């Protein structure tokens, strides 16, 4: 799903910020080593758009998973992906993920 062609970037939920396929790929292997026993996964799409050879999605990833050997628990991330069309295929070139806030910030209007 990811493009191996730079530029690619990752702003991960574990606080990592990486650029370039070598660093991003290494980070994926590190993150994968921290997760196990995923029992379900759902993606809630909030928004998406396309312009030329670039596209984006914004949504929520919900899954139940064990993190660093802990119990399997529900987990939600807010995520944004940017895609680039390469040789007729859409490839991810950027991901930003973060934890959902514990509480909503009050409206400011």
C-alpha atoms as a PDB file:
ATOM      1  CA  UNK A   1       0.000   0.000   0.000  1.00  0.00           C
ATOM      2  CA  UNK A   2       2.939   2.351   0.611  1.00  0.00           C
ATOM      3  CA  UNK A   3       5.068   3.921  -2.060  1.00  0.00           C
ATOM      4  CA  UNK A   4       8.749   3.000  -1.848  1.00  0.00           C
ATOM      5  CA  UNK A   5       9.495   6.209  -3.774  1.00  0.00           C
ATOM      6  CA  UNK A   6      10.492   9.294  -1.814  1.00  0.00           C
ATOM      7  CA  UNK A   7       9.160  11.590  -0.604  1.00  0.00           C
ATOM      8  CA  UNK A   8       7.234   9.523   1.957  1.00  0.00           C
ATOM      9  CA  UNK A   9       6.580  10.656   5.531  1.00  0.00           C
ATOM     10  CA  UNK A  10       5.166   9.282   8.756  1.00  0.00           C
ATOM     11  CA  UNK A  11       3.908  11.157  11.817  1.00  0.00           C
ATOM     12  CA  UNK A  12       3.010   8.218  14.010  1.00  0.00           C
ATOM     13  CA  UNK A  13       0.797   7.881  17.051  1.00  0.00           C
ATOM     14  CA  UNK A  14       3.790   6.663  19.113  1.00  0.00           C
ATOM     15  CA  UNK A  15       5.384  10.076  18.618  1.00  0.00           C
ATOM     16  CA  UNK A  16       7.650   9.109  15.740  1.00  0.00           C
ATOM     17  CA  UNK A  17       8.307  11.483  12.858  1.00  0.00           C
ATOM     18  CA  UNK A  18      10.146   9.864   9.960  1.00  0.00           C
ATOM     19  CA  UNK A  19      10.925  10.788   6.384  1.00  0.00           C
ATOM     20  CA  UNK A  20      12.167   8.639   3.525  1.00  0.00           C
ATOM     21  CA  UNK A  21      11.276   5.043   2.778  1.00  0.00           C
ATOM     22  CA  UNK A  22      14.262   3.557   4.626  1.00  0.00           C
ATOM     23  CA  UNK A  23      13.281   5.261   7.912  1.00  0.00           C
ATOM     24  CA  UNK A  24       9.532   4.761   7.436  1.00  0.00           C
ATOM     25  CA  UNK A  25       9.946   1.048   6.641  1.00  0.00           C
ATOM     26  CA  UNK A  26      12.201   0.538   9.676  1.00  0.00           C
ATOM     27  CA  UNK A  27       9.596   2.294  11.855  1.00  0.00           C
ATOM     28  CA  UNK A  28       6.826   0.020  10.575  1.00  0.00           C
ATOM     29  CA  UNK A  29       8.820  -3.033  11.602  1.00  0.00           C
ATOM     30  CA  UNK A  30       9.381  -1.523  15.073  1.00  0.00           C
ATOM     31  CA  UNK A  31       5.674  -0.653  15.478  1.00  0.00           C
ATOM     32  CA  UNK A  32       4.610  -4.119  14.280  1.00  0.00           C
ATOM     33  CA  UNK A  33       6.785  -5.703  16.968  1.00  0.00           C
ATOM     34  CA  UNK A  34       4.757  -3.895  19.663  1.00  0.00           C
ATOM     35  CA  UNK A  35       1.317  -5.143  18.514  1.00  0.00           C
ATOM     36  CA  UNK A  36      -0.203  -8.642  18.652  1.00  0.00           C
ATOM     37  CA  UNK A  37      -3.508 -10.501  18.858  1.00  0.00           C
ATOM     38  CA  UNK A  38      -5.576  -8.087  16.780  1.00  0.00           C
ATOM     39  CA  UNK A  39      -9.137  -9.410  17.041  1.00  0.00           C
ATOM     40  CA  UNK A  40     -10.974  -6.852  14.894  1.00  0.00           C
ATOM     41  CA  UNK A  41     -10.426  -3.770  12.752  1.00  0.00           C
ATOM     42  CA  UNK A  42     -12.753  -1.087  11.389  1.00  0.00           C
ATOM     43  CA  UNK A  43     -12.093   2.127   9.483  1.00  0.00           C
ATOM     44  CA  UNK A  44     -14.643   4.936   9.705  1.00  0.00           C
ATOM     45  CA  UNK A  45     -14.163   7.302   6.777  1.00  0.00           C
ATOM     46  CA  UNK A  46     -14.821  10.945   7.719  1.00  0.00           C
ATOM     47  CA  UNK A  47     -13.660  12.709   4.543  1.00  0.00           C
ATOM     48  CA  UNK A  48     -11.847  11.985   1.289  1.00  0.00           C
ATOM     49  CA  UNK A  49     -10.848  13.867  -1.824  1.00  0.00           C
ATOM     50  CA  UNK A  50      -8.883  13.595  -5.049  1.00  0.00           C
ATOM     51  CA  UNK A  51      -7.122  16.224  -7.137  1.00  0.00           C
ATOM     52  CA  UNK A  52      -5.056  15.038 -10.070  1.00  0.00           C
ATOM     53  CA  UNK A  53      -2.512  12.470  -8.896  1.00  0.00           C
ATOM     54  CA  UNK A  54      -2.974  13.228  -5.166  1.00  0.00           C
ATOM     55  CA  UNK A  55      -5.733  12.085  -2.823  1.00  0.00           C
ATOM     56  CA  UNK A  56      -6.425  11.956   0.905  1.00  0.00           C
ATOM     57  CA  UNK A  57      -8.555  10.142   3.458  1.00  0.00           C
ATOM     58  CA  UNK A  58      -9.368  11.167   7.015  1.00  0.00           C
ATOM     59  CA  UNK A  59     -10.967   8.822   9.499  1.00  0.00           C
ATOM     60  CA  UNK A  60     -10.850   6.682  12.599  1.00  0.00           C
ATOM     61  CA  UNK A  61      -9.107   3.318  12.889  1.00  0.00           C
ATOM     62  CA  UNK A  62     -10.743   1.163  15.557  1.00  0.00           C
ATOM     63  CA  UNK A  63      -9.324  -2.170  16.579  1.00  0.00           C
ATOM     64  CA  UNK A  64      -8.855  -4.461  19.543  1.00  0.00           C
ATOM     65  CA  UNK A  65      -5.221  -5.361  20.039  1.00  0.00           C
ATOM     66  CA  UNK A  66      -2.531  -6.223  22.560  1.00  0.00           C
ATOM     67  CA  UNK A  67       0.147  -3.541  22.852  1.00  0.00           C
ATOM     68  CA  UNK A  68       3.537  -4.618  24.225  1.00  0.00           C
ATOM     69  CA  UNK A  69       2.128  -7.876  25.620  1.00  0.00           C
ATOM     70  CA  UNK A  70      -0.733  -6.268  27.531  1.00  0.00           C
ATOM     71  CA  UNK A  71      -4.339  -7.429  27.422  1.00  0.00           C
ATOM     72  CA  UNK A  72      -6.337  -7.125  24.207  1.00  0.00           C
ATOM     73  CA  UNK A  73      -8.171  -3.815  24.506  1.00  0.00           C
ATOM     74  CA  UNK A  74     -10.138  -1.527  22.181  1.00  0.00           C
ATOM     75  CA  UNK A  75      -7.991   1.181  20.631  1.00  0.00           C
ATOM     76  CA  UNK A  76      -8.878   4.135  18.390  1.00  0.00           C
ATOM     77  CA  UNK A  77      -6.620   6.348  16.280  1.00  0.00           C
ATOM     78  CA  UNK A  78      -7.477   9.417  14.239  1.00  0.00           C
ATOM     79  CA  UNK A  79      -5.669   9.045  10.926  1.00  0.00           C
ATOM     80  CA  UNK A  80      -4.979  11.005   7.776  1.00  0.00           C
ATOM     81  CA  UNK A  81      -3.433   9.393   4.707  1.00  0.00           C
ATOM     82  CA  UNK A  82      -2.140  11.125   1.589  1.00  0.00           C
ATOM     83  CA  UNK A  83      -1.953   9.045  -1.597  1.00  0.00           C
ATOM     84  CA  UNK A  84      -0.040   9.554  -4.836  1.00  0.00           C
ATOM     85  CA  UNK A  85      -0.902   7.851  -8.110  1.00  0.00           C
ATOM     86  CA  UNK A  86       2.140   5.950  -9.362  1.00  0.00           C
ATOM     87  CA  UNK A  87       1.972   3.874 -12.550  1.00  0.00           C
ATOM     88  CA  UNK A  88      -1.833   3.862 -12.358  1.00  0.00           C
ATOM     89  CA  UNK A  89      -1.979   2.712  -8.699  1.00  0.00           C
ATOM     90  CA  UNK A  90      -2.723   4.724  -5.565  1.00  0.00           C
ATOM     91  CA  UNK A  91       0.100   4.484  -3.005  1.00  0.00           C
ATOM     92  CA  UNK A  92       0.264   5.997   0.490  1.00  0.00           C
ATOM     93  CA  UNK A  93       2.969   8.665   0.758  1.00  0.00           C
ATOM     94  CA  UNK A  94       2.051  10.181   4.144  1.00  0.00           C
ATOM     95  CA  UNK A  95       0.337   9.038   7.338  1.00  0.00           C
ATOM     96  CA  UNK A  96      -0.504  11.058  10.389  1.00  0.00           C
ATOM     97  CA  UNK A  97      -2.018   9.149  13.298  1.00  0.00           C
ATOM     98  CA  UNK A  98      -2.788  10.179  16.835  1.00  0.00           C
ATOM     99  CA  UNK A  99      -4.761   9.085  19.844  1.00  0.00           C
ATOM    100  CA  UNK A 100      -8.308  10.343  20.142  1.00  0.00           C
ATOM    101  CA  UNK A 101      -8.673  12.985  22.838  1.00  0.00           C
ATOM    102  CA  UNK A 102     -10.006  11.872  26.197  1.00  0.00           C
ATOM    103  CA  UNK A 103     -12.535  14.694  26.101  1.00  0.00           C
ATOM    104  CA  UNK A 104     -13.768  17.074  23.473  1.00  0.00           C
ATOM    105  CA  UNK A 105     -12.624  20.676  23.592  1.00  0.00           C
ATOM    106  CA  UNK A 106     -15.589  23.031  24.038  1.00  0.00           C
ATOM    107  CA  UNK A 107     -16.739  24.988  21.006  1.00  0.00           C
ATOM    108  CA  UNK A 108     -15.260  28.447  20.756  1.00  0.00           C
ATOM    109  CA  UNK A 109     -18.089  30.314  19.006  1.00  0.00           C
END
